[in-house]
C-alpha atoms as a PDB file:
ATOM      1  CA  LEU A   1     141.013  77.934 100.413  1.00  0.00           C
ATOM      2  CA  ASP A   2     143.910  80.266 101.170  1.00  0.00           C
ATOM      3  CA  TRP A   3     146.184  78.146  98.988  1.00  0.00           C
ATOM      4  CA  LEU A   4     143.648  78.133  96.139  1.00  0.00           C
ATOM      5  CA  ALA A   5     143.258  81.904  96.364  1.00  0.00           C
ATOM      6  CA  ARG A   6     147.039  82.358  96.057  1.00  0.00           C
ATOM      7  CA  LYS A   7     147.470  79.738  93.345  1.00  0.00           C
ATOM      8  CA  HIS A   8     144.436  80.725  91.220  1.00  0.00           C
ATOM      9  CA  PRO A   9     143.513  84.344  92.028  1.00  0.00           C
ATOM     10  CA  GLU A  10     141.476  84.644  88.834  1.00  0.00           C
ATOM     11  CA  ARG A  11     139.138  81.822  89.929  1.00  0.00           C
ATOM     12  CA  PHE A  12     139.325  82.312  93.707  1.00  0.00           C
ATOM     13  CA  PRO A  13     139.636  85.998  94.603  1.00  0.00           C
ATOM     14  CA  GLY A  14     139.931  85.215  98.302  1.00  0.00           C
ATOM     15  CA  ASN A  15     139.021  82.876 101.102  1.00  0.00           C
ATOM     16  CA  PRO A  16     135.324  83.560 101.885  1.00  0.00           C
ATOM     17  CA  LEU A  17     135.759  82.095 105.365  1.00  0.00           C
ATOM     18  CA  ARG A  18     138.026  85.028 106.260  1.00  0.00           C
ATOM     19  CA  LEU A  19     134.960  87.292 105.902  1.00  0.00           C
ATOM     20  CA  LEU A  20     133.193  85.585 108.817  1.00  0.00           C
ATOM     21  CA  PRO A  21     133.356  87.311 112.212  1.00  0.00           C
ATOM     22  CA  LYS A  22     135.962  86.026 114.651  1.00  0.00           C
ATOM     23  CA  GLY A  23     134.641  83.155 116.732  1.00  0.00           C
ATOM     24  CA  TYR A  24     131.879  82.382 114.220  1.00  0.00           C
ATOM     25  CA  ALA A  25     132.790  78.747 113.699  1.00  0.00           C
ATOM     26  CA  SER A  26     131.833  76.111 116.194  1.00  0.00           C
ATOM     27  CA  TYR A  27     132.597  72.415 116.298  1.00  0.00           C
ATOM     28  CA  ASN A  28     130.022  69.666 116.493  1.00  0.00           C
ATOM     29  CA  GLU A  29     130.904  66.199 117.814  1.00  0.00           C
ATOM     30  CA  HIS A  30     131.808  64.879 114.333  1.00  0.00           C
ATOM     31  CA  ASP A  31     134.166  67.829 113.753  1.00  0.00           C
ATOM     32  CA  ALA A  32     135.797  67.244 117.136  1.00  0.00           C
ATOM     33  CA  ILE A  33     136.375  63.551 116.324  1.00  0.00           C
ATOM     34  CA  ALA A  34     137.992  64.476 113.002  1.00  0.00           C
ATOM     35  CA  VAL A  35     140.239  67.089 114.619  1.00  0.00           C
ATOM     36  CA  ARG A  36     141.283  64.682 117.395  1.00  0.00           C
ATOM     37  CA  ALA A  37     142.045  62.015 114.754  1.00  0.00           C
ATOM     38  CA  VAL A  38     144.832  64.220 113.372  1.00  0.00           C
ATOM     39  CA  GLY A  39     146.222  64.837 116.861  1.00  0.00           C
ATOM     40  CA  ASP A  40     144.778  68.276 117.599  1.00  0.00           C
ATOM     41  CA  ASP A  41     142.354  69.458 120.249  1.00  0.00           C
ATOM     42  CA  ALA A  42     139.027  70.837 119.038  1.00  0.00           C
ATOM     43  CA  PRO A  43     138.168  74.098 120.767  1.00  0.00           C
ATOM     44  CA  GLU A  44     135.078  73.932 122.926  1.00  0.00           C
ATOM     45  CA  ASP A  45     132.265  76.440 122.671  1.00  0.00           C
ATOM     46  CA  GLU A  46     132.206  78.648 125.740  1.00  0.00           C
ATOM     47  CA  GLU A  47     128.730  78.903 127.153  1.00  0.00           C
ATOM     48  CA  ARG A  48     127.766  81.159 130.011  1.00  0.00           C
ATOM     49  CA  ASP A  49     126.363  78.825 132.604  1.00  0.00           C
ATOM     50  CA  ARG A  50     127.586  80.381 135.832  1.00  0.00           C
ATOM     51  CA  ARG A  51     125.317  80.189 138.829  1.00  0.00           C
ATOM     52  CA  LEU A  52     125.898  81.696 142.246  1.00  0.00           C
ATOM     53  CA  GLN A  53     127.006  79.226 144.859  1.00  0.00           C
ATOM     54  CA  PRO A  54     125.247  79.196 148.239  1.00  0.00           C
ATOM     55  CA  GLY A  55     126.312  82.232 150.237  1.00  0.00           C
ATOM     56  CA  GLU A  56     127.886  84.141 147.323  1.00  0.00           C
ATOM     57  CA  GLU A  57     125.057  86.623 146.861  1.00  0.00           C
ATOM     58  CA  GLU A  58     124.988  87.463 150.559  1.00  0.00           C
ATOM     59  CA  ALA A  59     128.790  87.901 150.629  1.00  0.00           C
ATOM     60  CA  ILE A  60     128.692  90.237 147.626  1.00  0.00           C
ATOM     61  CA  ARG A  61     125.845  92.265 149.099  1.00  0.00           C
ATOM     62  CA  LYS A  62     127.780  92.679 152.377  1.00  0.00           C
ATOM     63  CA  ILE A  63     130.801  94.033 150.484  1.00  0.00           C
ATOM     64  CA  LEU A  64     128.559  96.363 148.445  1.00  0.00           C
ATOM     65  CA  ALA A  65     127.065  97.572 151.751  1.00  0.00           C
ATOM     66  CA  GLY A  66     130.545  98.515 153.004  1.00  0.00           C
ATOM     67  CA  GLU A  67     131.567  95.520 155.093  1.00  0.00           C
ATOM     68  CA  LYS A  68     135.216  94.528 155.182  1.00  0.00           C
ATOM     69  CA  PRO A  69     135.967  91.571 152.889  1.00  0.00           C
ATOM     70  CA  GLU A  70     137.549  88.530 154.463  1.00  0.00           C
ATOM     71  CA  GLY A  71     141.348  88.721 154.387  1.00  0.00           C
ATOM     72  CA  ARG A  72     141.489  92.522 154.041  1.00  0.00           C
ATOM     73  CA  GLN A  73     142.317  95.117 156.666  1.00  0.00           C
ATOM     74  CA  ARG A  74     139.587  97.558 155.708  1.00  0.00           C
ATOM     75  CA  PRO A  75     136.490  97.794 153.508  1.00  0.00           C
ATOM     76  CA  LEU A  76     136.798  98.475 149.799  1.00  0.00           C
ATOM     77  CA  GLU A  77     136.355 102.059 148.617  1.00  0.00           C
ATOM     78  CA  LEU A  78     133.386 101.631 146.303  1.00  0.00           C
ATOM     79  CA  LYS A  79     132.608 104.773 144.353  1.00  0.00           C
ATOM     80  CA  GLU A  80     129.128 104.930 142.873  1.00  0.00           C
ATOM     81  CA  GLY A  81     127.784 102.412 145.403  1.00  0.00           C
ATOM     82  CA  ALA A  82     124.132 102.760 144.345  1.00  0.00           C
ATOM     83  CA  ALA A  83     125.125 102.158 140.731  1.00  0.00           C
ATOM     84  CA  LEU A  84     127.121  99.052 141.703  1.00  0.00           C
ATOM     85  CA  VAL A  85     124.182  97.602 143.627  1.00  0.00           C
ATOM     86  CA  THR A  86     121.873  98.330 140.685  1.00  0.00           C
ATOM     87  CA  LEU A  87     124.356  96.747 138.260  1.00  0.00           C
ATOM     88  CA  PHE A  88     124.573  93.630 140.454  1.00  0.00           C
ATOM     89  CA  ASP A  89     120.787  93.348 140.744  1.00  0.00           C
ATOM     90  CA  LEU A  90     120.362  93.860 137.006  1.00  0.00           C
ATOM     91  CA  ALA A  91     122.930  91.132 136.308  1.00  0.00           C
ATOM     92  CA  LEU A  92     121.096  88.685 138.571  1.00  0.00           C
ATOM     93  CA  GLU A  93     117.675  89.493 137.147  1.00  0.00           C
ATOM     94  CA  THR A  94     118.479  89.680 133.427  1.00  0.00           C
ATOM     95  CA  SER A  95     121.654  87.608 132.878  1.00  0.00           C
ATOM     96  CA  MET A  96     122.971  90.431 130.703  1.00  0.00           C
ATOM     97  CA  ARG A  97     126.690  90.600 130.029  1.00  0.00           C
ATOM     98  CA  LEU A  98     128.713  93.238 131.871  1.00  0.00           C
ATOM     99  CA  SER A  99     129.358  95.299 128.730  1.00  0.00           C
ATOM    100  CA  GLU A 100     125.676  95.143 127.766  1.00  0.00           C
ATOM    101  CA  MET A 101     124.800  96.651 131.129  1.00  0.00           C
ATOM    102  CA  TYR A 102     127.398  99.407 131.446  1.00  0.00           C
ATOM    103  CA  THR A 103     126.751 100.653 127.888  1.00  0.00           C
ATOM    104  CA  LEU A 104     123.014 100.743 128.486  1.00  0.00           C
ATOM    105  CA  SER A 105     121.196 104.021 127.844  1.00  0.00           C
ATOM    106  CA  TRP A 106     117.839 105.012 129.257  1.00  0.00           C
ATOM    107  CA  ALA A 107     116.472 105.108 125.683  1.00  0.00           C
ATOM    108  CA  GLN A 108     116.942 101.318 125.540  1.00  0.00           C
ATOM    109  CA  VAL A 109     114.834 100.738 128.668  1.00  0.00           C
ATOM    110  CA  ASP A 110     111.086 100.410 128.080  1.00  0.00           C
ATOM    111  CA  PHE A 111     109.457 100.536 131.515  1.00  0.00           C
ATOM    112  CA  ALA A 112     105.917 100.204 130.135  1.00  0.00           C
ATOM    113  CA  GLY A 113     106.857  97.184 128.011  1.00  0.00           C
ATOM    114  CA  ARG A 114     109.088  95.757 130.772  1.00  0.00           C
ATOM    115  CA  THR A 115     111.849  95.256 128.206  1.00  0.00           C
ATOM    116  CA  ILE A 116     115.446  96.301 127.595  1.00  0.00           C
ATOM    117  CA  TYR A 117     116.431  96.586 123.937  1.00  0.00           C
ATOM    118  CA  LEU A 118     120.042  95.665 123.196  1.00  0.00           C
ATOM    119  CA  ASP A 119     121.220  97.146 119.911  1.00  0.00           C
ATOM    120  CA  LYS A 120     124.334  95.033 119.566  1.00  0.00           C
ATOM    121  CA  THR A 121     125.157  91.911 121.517  1.00  0.00           C
ATOM    122  CA  LYS A 122     128.397  89.916 121.634  1.00  0.00           C
ATOM    123  CA  ASN A 123     127.473  88.024 118.470  1.00  0.00           C
ATOM    124  CA  GLY A 124     126.465  91.248 116.676  1.00  0.00           C
ATOM    125  CA  SER A 125     122.704  90.750 116.718  1.00  0.00           C
ATOM    126  CA  LYS A 126     119.913  92.667 118.414  1.00  0.00           C
ATOM    127  CA  ARG A 127     117.795  91.210 121.176  1.00  0.00           C
ATOM    128  CA  GLN A 128     115.181  92.093 123.748  1.00  0.00           C
ATOM    129  CA  VAL A 129     115.703  91.326 127.416  1.00  0.00           C
ATOM    130  CA  PRO A 130     112.544  90.966 129.506  1.00  0.00           C
ATOM    131  CA  MET A 131     112.627  92.729 132.858  1.00  0.00           C
ATOM    132  CA  THR A 132     111.427  90.924 135.956  1.00  0.00           C
ATOM    133  CA  SER A 133     109.458  92.871 138.534  1.00  0.00           C
ATOM    134  CA  VAL A 134     112.673  93.088 140.592  1.00  0.00           C
ATOM    135  CA  ALA A 135     114.685  94.528 137.673  1.00  0.00           C
ATOM    136  CA  LEU A 136     111.886  96.989 136.967  1.00  0.00           C
ATOM    137  CA  ARG A 137     111.768  98.104 140.620  1.00  0.00           C
ATOM    138  CA  VAL A 138     115.552  98.373 140.921  1.00  0.00           C
ATOM    139  CA  LEU A 139     115.971 100.466 137.768  1.00  0.00           C
ATOM    140  CA  SER A 140     113.004 102.673 138.669  1.00  0.00           C
ATOM    141  CA  ALA A 141     114.402 103.342 142.145  1.00  0.00           C
ATOM    142  CA  TYR A 142     117.953 103.908 140.901  1.00  0.00           C
ATOM    143  CA  ARG A 143     117.128 106.995 138.865  1.00  0.00           C
ATOM    144  CA  PRO A 144     114.006 109.118 139.234  1.00  0.00           C
ATOM    145  CA  GLU A 145     112.096 109.537 135.980  1.00  0.00           C
ATOM    146  CA  ALA A 146     113.143 113.187 135.643  1.00  0.00           C
ATOM    147  CA  GLU A 147     116.830 112.129 135.656  1.00  0.00           C
ATOM    148  CA  ARG A 148     116.543 109.380 133.028  1.00  0.00           C
ATOM    149  CA  VAL A 149     118.701 110.883 130.302  1.00  0.00           C
ATOM    150  CA  GLY A 150     121.817 109.474 128.680  1.00  0.00           C
ATOM    151  CA  LEU A 151     123.622 106.413 129.983  1.00  0.00           C
ATOM    152  CA  VAL A 152     122.185 104.381 132.846  1.00  0.00           C
ATOM    153  CA  PHE A 153     125.539 103.796 134.567  1.00  0.00           C
ATOM    154  CA  PRO A 154     128.359 106.305 135.184  1.00  0.00           C
ATOM    155  CA  TRP A 155     131.523 104.352 134.357  1.00  0.00           C
ATOM    156  CA  TRP A 156     131.636 104.244 130.554  1.00  0.00           C
ATOM    157  CA  ASP A 157     132.540 107.422 128.656  1.00  0.00           C
ATOM    158  CA  GLY A 158     130.259 106.541 125.726  1.00  0.00           C
ATOM    159  CA  GLN A 159     133.070 106.164 123.211  1.00  0.00           C
ATOM    160  CA  GLN A 160     132.497 103.218 120.886  1.00  0.00           C
ATOM    161  CA  THR A 161     136.129 102.138 120.900  1.00  0.00           C
ATOM    162  CA  ARG A 162     137.625  98.841 121.969  1.00  0.00           C
ATOM    163  CA  LEU A 163     140.008 100.649 124.345  1.00  0.00           C
ATOM    164  CA  SER A 164     137.178 102.519 126.068  1.00  0.00           C
ATOM    165  CA  ARG A 165     135.190  99.331 126.602  1.00  0.00           C
ATOM    166  CA  ARG A 166     138.252  97.403 127.759  1.00  0.00           C
ATOM    167  CA  ARG A 167     139.060 100.089 130.342  1.00  0.00           C
ATOM    168  CA  THR A 168     135.497 100.100 131.665  1.00  0.00           C
ATOM    169  CA  THR A 169     135.343  96.301 131.825  1.00  0.00           C
ATOM    170  CA  SER A 170     138.676  96.232 133.658  1.00  0.00           C
ATOM    171  CA  LEU A 171     137.541  98.902 136.139  1.00  0.00           C
ATOM    172  CA  LEU A 172     134.315  97.067 136.956  1.00  0.00           C
ATOM    173  CA  SER A 173     135.985  93.666 137.114  1.00  0.00           C
ATOM    174  CA  ARG A 174     138.433  94.963 139.726  1.00  0.00           C
END
C-alpha cells in the first residue's frame, strides 16, 4: 500500500493502515503460518495473565509493612506507605493496570454503584471496573469521604504527557 501510494498518489492518497493505532494488528494462526513460511517470526499477542505465586503476596505485604527484604541490609524507605498498600490491594482486587490506578481520580470512583469508571484504557476505549467488597473497603478506609477530592494516589502530577506517565510508572515500578 505504501508503494501504491507513492506510485499513484492520485488514486491512493495514502496507506490507510498507517492511520490505525500502534499495536492494533494481531496475528491469527493462519497469519502466523504465512509469516513463518517466508522465514520471519510472527509477533505474539501479549496477554496479561500473571498470577501471584504461593508466598508472593505475603512477602510483598511484609515489605510494605516495613520488614527488611531478603538480601538487603535494611528495610526500604517507602514514602506514602498507606497509598502503596491501597494500590497493591486495588491491583489484586480489580486487575487494573498500574497507570489506570495511579491516574485514578475520586470522580471516577462510584462507591454506591461499586464501580470504577476508566475514561481511557490502554487500547483507547472506556470501561467499567466492578469493585469487590475488599476494594470498596480498602478505598473507603484509605481516604475519608471529606478528603475525596482530586486524584486518588499522590504520585502522578496530573499532566497528560507521556513523560509524566513514564516517570510515575518508573517511580512505582522501582
